[in-house]
């Protein structure tokens, strides 16, 4: 037979279980979607930026495509950074580094995208940069004129 002072602990244990176990699990589950979306965006943006820069033979064309793509995804310009050929990424208006656009060379693009750790109705909490890199070769037989 249970002692009289053991009554009432179930409510306290339930409240602790919700706060300690369920709330963090719910935050992780709701944060996974934006993380995944930004990762896919970074990878595709890096590939498209490198491809356009190689085809147009200028870095500015690649940055223009990246800027438009970020805008289409609802990202502000300060949430995306780009770096060329191993340079540290910089903001879209002044990207880091440059690559030689000569036959047979490779153009490497690194795109960083800011991702909130947890999105709440009151705003984002914390965050991290998600990085993707893509290398695109300049065709050996293309006209550079």
C-alpha atoms as a PDB file:
ATOM      1  CA  UNK A   1       0.000   0.000   0.000  1.00  0.00           C
ATOM      2  CA  UNK A   2       1.381   3.408  -0.983  1.00  0.00           C
ATOM      3  CA  UNK A   3       2.126   6.012   1.602  1.00  0.00           C
ATOM      4  CA  UNK A   4       0.000   9.145   1.652  1.00  0.00           C
ATOM      5  CA  UNK A   5       2.893  11.435   0.698  1.00  0.00           C
ATOM      6  CA  UNK A   6       3.478   9.579  -2.641  1.00  0.00           C
ATOM      7  CA  UNK A   7       0.292  11.000  -4.159  1.00  0.00           C
ATOM      8  CA  UNK A   8       0.521  13.738  -6.788  1.00  0.00           C
ATOM      9  CA  UNK A   9       3.923  12.950  -8.317  1.00  0.00           C
ATOM     10  CA  UNK A  10       2.487  11.843 -11.657  1.00  0.00           C
ATOM     11  CA  UNK A  11       1.530  15.391 -12.645  1.00  0.00           C
ATOM     12  CA  UNK A  12       4.999  16.696 -11.813  1.00  0.00           C
ATOM     13  CA  UNK A  13       6.677  13.850 -13.681  1.00  0.00           C
ATOM     14  CA  UNK A  14       4.444  14.409 -16.705  1.00  0.00           C
ATOM     15  CA  UNK A  15       5.279  18.140 -16.793  1.00  0.00           C
ATOM     16  CA  UNK A  16       8.998  17.398 -16.536  1.00  0.00           C
ATOM     17  CA  UNK A  17       8.786  14.787 -19.289  1.00  0.00           C
ATOM     18  CA  UNK A  18       7.077  17.256 -21.616  1.00  0.00           C
ATOM     19  CA  UNK A  19       9.595  20.021 -20.947  1.00  0.00           C
ATOM     20  CA  UNK A  20      12.728  17.867 -20.903  1.00  0.00           C
ATOM     21  CA  UNK A  21      11.928  15.342 -23.636  1.00  0.00           C
ATOM     22  CA  UNK A  22       9.149  16.456 -25.940  1.00  0.00           C
ATOM     23  CA  UNK A  23       9.928  20.163 -26.402  1.00  0.00           C
ATOM     24  CA  UNK A  24      13.559  19.616 -27.557  1.00  0.00           C
ATOM     25  CA  UNK A  25      12.437  16.768 -29.824  1.00  0.00           C
ATOM     26  CA  UNK A  26       9.751  18.970 -31.378  1.00  0.00           C
ATOM     27  CA  UNK A  27      12.285  21.772 -31.965  1.00  0.00           C
ATOM     28  CA  UNK A  28      14.691  19.404 -33.725  1.00  0.00           C
ATOM     29  CA  UNK A  29      11.921  17.988 -35.922  1.00  0.00           C
ATOM     30  CA  UNK A  30      10.657  21.440 -36.949  1.00  0.00           C
ATOM     31  CA  UNK A  31      14.212  22.697 -37.596  1.00  0.00           C
ATOM     32  CA  UNK A  32      15.098  19.840 -39.971  1.00  0.00           C
ATOM     33  CA  UNK A  33      13.040  21.224 -42.892  1.00  0.00           C
ATOM     34  CA  UNK A  34      14.810  24.606 -43.162  1.00  0.00           C
ATOM     35  CA  UNK A  35      18.224  22.971 -42.671  1.00  0.00           C
ATOM     36  CA  UNK A  36      17.549  20.531 -45.489  1.00  0.00           C
ATOM     37  CA  UNK A  37      16.125  23.228 -47.757  1.00  0.00           C
ATOM     38  CA  UNK A  38      19.114  25.534 -47.266  1.00  0.00           C
ATOM     39  CA  UNK A  39      21.572  22.669 -47.854  1.00  0.00           C
ATOM     40  CA  UNK A  40      19.948  21.811 -51.175  1.00  0.00           C
ATOM     41  CA  UNK A  41      19.848  25.503 -52.108  1.00  0.00           C
ATOM     42  CA  UNK A  42      23.569  25.943 -51.318  1.00  0.00           C
ATOM     43  CA  UNK A  43      24.540  22.936 -53.441  1.00  0.00           C
ATOM     44  CA  UNK A  44      22.438  23.912 -56.452  1.00  0.00           C
ATOM     45  CA  UNK A  45      23.425  27.590 -56.192  1.00  0.00           C
ATOM     46  CA  UNK A  46      27.130  26.725 -56.122  1.00  0.00           C
ATOM     47  CA  UNK A  47      26.775  24.523 -59.197  1.00  0.00           C
ATOM     48  CA  UNK A  48      24.716  27.072 -61.141  1.00  0.00           C
ATOM     49  CA  UNK A  49      26.992  29.972 -60.159  1.00  0.00           C
ATOM     50  CA  UNK A  50      30.098  28.111 -61.346  1.00  0.00           C
ATOM     51  CA  UNK A  51      28.410  26.962 -64.552  1.00  0.00           C
ATOM     52  CA  UNK A  52      27.231  30.453 -65.521  1.00  0.00           C
ATOM     53  CA  UNK A  53      30.613  32.006 -64.683  1.00  0.00           C
ATOM     54  CA  UNK A  54      32.376  29.470 -66.934  1.00  0.00           C
ATOM     55  CA  UNK A  55      29.923  29.898 -69.805  1.00  0.00           C
ATOM     56  CA  UNK A  56      29.982  33.719 -69.631  1.00  0.00           C
ATOM     57  CA  UNK A  57      33.696  33.839 -68.672  1.00  0.00           C
ATOM     58  CA  UNK A  58      33.075  36.382 -65.923  1.00  0.00           C
ATOM     59  CA  UNK A  59      32.521  36.179 -62.203  1.00  0.00           C
ATOM     60  CA  UNK A  60      29.865  38.908 -62.214  1.00  0.00           C
ATOM     61  CA  UNK A  61      27.507  36.761 -64.299  1.00  0.00           C
ATOM     62  CA  UNK A  62      27.754  33.961 -61.746  1.00  0.00           C
ATOM     63  CA  UNK A  63      27.143  36.344 -58.848  1.00  0.00           C
ATOM     64  CA  UNK A  64      24.111  37.778 -60.660  1.00  0.00           C
ATOM     65  CA  UNK A  65      22.607  34.301 -60.986  1.00  0.00           C
ATOM     66  CA  UNK A  66      23.327  33.600 -57.314  1.00  0.00           C
ATOM     67  CA  UNK A  67      21.726  36.892 -56.276  1.00  0.00           C
ATOM     68  CA  UNK A  68      18.605  36.143 -58.314  1.00  0.00           C
ATOM     69  CA  UNK A  69      18.401  32.595 -56.980  1.00  0.00           C
ATOM     70  CA  UNK A  70      18.708  33.807 -53.366  1.00  0.00           C
ATOM     71  CA  UNK A  71      15.984  36.360 -54.012  1.00  0.00           C
ATOM     72  CA  UNK A  72      13.732  33.672 -55.504  1.00  0.00           C
ATOM     73  CA  UNK A  73      14.163  31.610 -52.321  1.00  0.00           C
ATOM     74  CA  UNK A  74      13.290  34.568 -50.107  1.00  0.00           C
ATOM     75  CA  UNK A  75      16.823  35.025 -48.784  1.00  0.00           C
ATOM     76  CA  UNK A  76      18.229  38.470 -48.103  1.00  0.00           C
ATOM     77  CA  UNK A  77      21.574  39.303 -49.719  1.00  0.00           C
ATOM     78  CA  UNK A  78      23.316  39.277 -46.324  1.00  0.00           C
ATOM     79  CA  UNK A  79      22.299  35.625 -45.801  1.00  0.00           C
ATOM     80  CA  UNK A  80      24.406  34.398 -48.751  1.00  0.00           C
ATOM     81  CA  UNK A  81      28.176  34.638 -49.283  1.00  0.00           C
ATOM     82  CA  UNK A  82      30.317  33.539 -52.216  1.00  0.00           C
ATOM     83  CA  UNK A  83      34.030  32.838 -52.653  1.00  0.00           C
ATOM     84  CA  UNK A  84      35.999  31.972 -55.785  1.00  0.00           C
ATOM     85  CA  UNK A  85      38.890  29.505 -56.086  1.00  0.00           C
ATOM     86  CA  UNK A  86      39.599  28.858 -52.429  1.00  0.00           C
ATOM     87  CA  UNK A  87      39.155  32.435 -51.193  1.00  0.00           C
ATOM     88  CA  UNK A  88      37.123  33.197 -48.099  1.00  0.00           C
ATOM     89  CA  UNK A  89      33.511  33.887 -49.076  1.00  0.00           C
ATOM     90  CA  UNK A  90      32.340  37.461 -48.973  1.00  0.00           C
ATOM     91  CA  UNK A  91      29.006  39.205 -49.423  1.00  0.00           C
ATOM     92  CA  UNK A  92      27.359  39.195 -52.829  1.00  0.00           C
ATOM     93  CA  UNK A  93      28.305  42.816 -53.535  1.00  0.00           C
ATOM     94  CA  UNK A  94      32.015  42.056 -52.930  1.00  0.00           C
ATOM     95  CA  UNK A  95      32.695  38.313 -53.307  1.00  0.00           C
ATOM     96  CA  UNK A  96      35.983  36.844 -52.206  1.00  0.00           C
ATOM     97  CA  UNK A  97      38.709  35.920 -54.687  1.00  0.00           C
ATOM     98  CA  UNK A  98      38.710  35.331 -58.414  1.00  0.00           C
ATOM     99  CA  UNK A  99      39.623  32.544 -60.824  1.00  0.00           C
ATOM    100  CA  UNK A 100      41.541  32.639 -64.094  1.00  0.00           C
ATOM    101  CA  UNK A 101      39.170  31.922 -66.987  1.00  0.00           C
ATOM    102  CA  UNK A 102      41.571  30.146 -69.326  1.00  0.00           C
ATOM    103  CA  UNK A 103      41.114  26.932 -71.307  1.00  0.00           C
ATOM    104  CA  UNK A 104      41.542  23.827 -69.195  1.00  0.00           C
ATOM    105  CA  UNK A 105      41.401  25.635 -65.865  1.00  0.00           C
ATOM    106  CA  UNK A 106      38.853  24.944 -63.159  1.00  0.00           C
ATOM    107  CA  UNK A 107      36.565  27.434 -61.485  1.00  0.00           C
ATOM    108  CA  UNK A 108      35.768  26.633 -57.863  1.00  0.00           C
ATOM    109  CA  UNK A 109      32.827  28.319 -56.152  1.00  0.00           C
ATOM    110  CA  UNK A 110      32.021  28.174 -52.453  1.00  0.00           C
ATOM    111  CA  UNK A 111      28.551  29.329 -51.402  1.00  0.00           C
ATOM    112  CA  UNK A 112      27.649  29.873 -47.748  1.00  0.00           C
ATOM    113  CA  UNK A 113      24.006  30.200 -46.715  1.00  0.00           C
ATOM    114  CA  UNK A 114      22.868  31.364 -43.257  1.00  0.00           C
ATOM    115  CA  UNK A 115      20.442  28.940 -41.623  1.00  0.00           C
ATOM    116  CA  UNK A 116      18.617  29.570 -38.356  1.00  0.00           C
ATOM    117  CA  UNK A 117      18.983  26.847 -35.752  1.00  0.00           C
ATOM    118  CA  UNK A 118      15.330  27.114 -34.739  1.00  0.00           C
ATOM    119  CA  UNK A 119      12.610  29.173 -36.409  1.00  0.00           C
ATOM    120  CA  UNK A 120       9.887  30.429 -34.124  1.00  0.00           C
ATOM    121  CA  UNK A 121       6.912  32.704 -34.764  1.00  0.00           C
ATOM    122  CA  UNK A 122       8.890  35.420 -32.944  1.00  0.00           C
ATOM    123  CA  UNK A 123      12.009  35.062 -35.097  1.00  0.00           C
ATOM    124  CA  UNK A 124      15.022  32.855 -35.553  1.00  0.00           C
ATOM    125  CA  UNK A 125      17.075  31.557 -32.655  1.00  0.00           C
ATOM    126  CA  UNK A 126      20.785  31.066 -33.285  1.00  0.00           C
ATOM    127  CA  UNK A 127      22.085  29.915 -36.634  1.00  0.00           C
ATOM    128  CA  UNK A 128      24.962  28.560 -38.672  1.00  0.00           C
ATOM    129  CA  UNK A 129      26.467  28.843 -42.122  1.00  0.00           C
ATOM    130  CA  UNK A 130      25.819  25.917 -44.453  1.00  0.00           C
ATOM    131  CA  UNK A 131      28.558  25.568 -47.066  1.00  0.00           C
ATOM    132  CA  UNK A 132      28.604  23.988 -50.516  1.00  0.00           C
ATOM    133  CA  UNK A 133      31.443  23.896 -53.042  1.00  0.00           C
ATOM    134  CA  UNK A 134      31.368  23.161 -56.758  1.00  0.00           C
ATOM    135  CA  UNK A 135      34.197  22.929 -59.304  1.00  0.00           C
ATOM    136  CA  UNK A 136      33.433  23.543 -62.975  1.00  0.00           C
ATOM    137  CA  UNK A 137      36.070  23.106 -65.719  1.00  0.00           C
ATOM    138  CA  UNK A 138      36.578  25.645 -68.479  1.00  0.00           C
ATOM    139  CA  UNK A 139      36.237  23.763 -71.761  1.00  0.00           C
ATOM    140  CA  UNK A 140      39.566  23.105 -73.502  1.00  0.00           C
ATOM    141  CA  UNK A 141      38.103  23.722 -76.949  1.00  0.00           C
ATOM    142  CA  UNK A 142      35.884  26.722 -76.434  1.00  0.00           C
ATOM    143  CA  UNK A 143      36.459  30.119 -77.968  1.00  0.00           C
ATOM    144  CA  UNK A 144      37.580  32.677 -75.416  1.00  0.00           C
ATOM    145  CA  UNK A 145      37.210  35.613 -77.779  1.00  0.00           C
END
